[in-house]
Amino acid sequence: MSNVVEFKGNLPTLNINHFQKALATHKEAKGVSAGDKQFLKLSKNGGFWVYGQNDTEVEEGSRWAINPMTMQTGYIAWKNSKPVGKKLGSIFNPPITADMLDDVGAKWDEAVAFELVCVSGEDVGTLCEYTANSYGGRKAFTDLMDALMKQSAIDADKIVPIIELESSSYEHSQWGLTYNPVLKIVDWGSMAKGAADAGGDDGDGADEQSKQDASQKAPEPEASQRRRRAGPVTDAEPAKTEPETPVRRQRRRAT
């Protein structure tokens, strides 16, 4: 698998100094149009990941590349289990603050978001958006920013987190078994655009291979055992109050 990731869309040219400053600024601040993206969610019953309108289950062991240029922070408001307000902004802009929020008749909660694309397994090329306002989702985002800060100081070219989507759990005194998202970083890749400004080599050969890999999405098996309706999904877990226990699902792994 190529370590150069080609993200679609008009993205700003990466300047590693601006990137590091943006991470530092938004780490203390707590945070998309749909387009051709599908929404990624963590199931509250079982702790597995699903995406899209049909709640397609993410293949265990598949790898996903997070686009650091799409990281956002801000706020979201929910009423009767539906979002009635959403105000997110790029980490490359000043943070959204509470005084910028309109009255939508519901409480605003801090939220975060980013885009990611599958780079291995059955879903290669699938573009998703992950938005979270739960404690677990925001903590995973903060951990991601910490990792990006460290990595950008080590290798300014390779600042694309390649992750596996996992979950952890703990027994909440009121809500019972509760799942939190885990963005397990297993590798780092380079961005096909802006790599030169980050201080690295553009890697034209690897870039071309990455384009081919992303465009040749594997067909969906007719009777895949990992594909199913996942039932209720949520990212609004209660705050963590007790230690977590890692949860690993016993499903077919990506090849």
Foldseek 3Di string as FASTA:
>chain_A
DFQEAEDDDDFDFDALVLLLVLLVQCLPPFADDPPQAWAKFAAFPPGFIAIHPQRWTDFAAWKKWWDLRFKWKDKWWDDPNHTQDDDIDTSSDHHDDPVVDDCRPTDIAIKIKTKMATQFFQRQQHIYMYMARAQLVRVQVSVLSVVLSVVLVVQLFFRIFIFGWFWKWDQDPPPGIGIHIHTHGDDTGGYLGNSVSSVDDNPVVSVVVNVVSNVDRHDDDPCAPSTDRPPDTDRHTHDDDDDIGTDDDPDDHTD
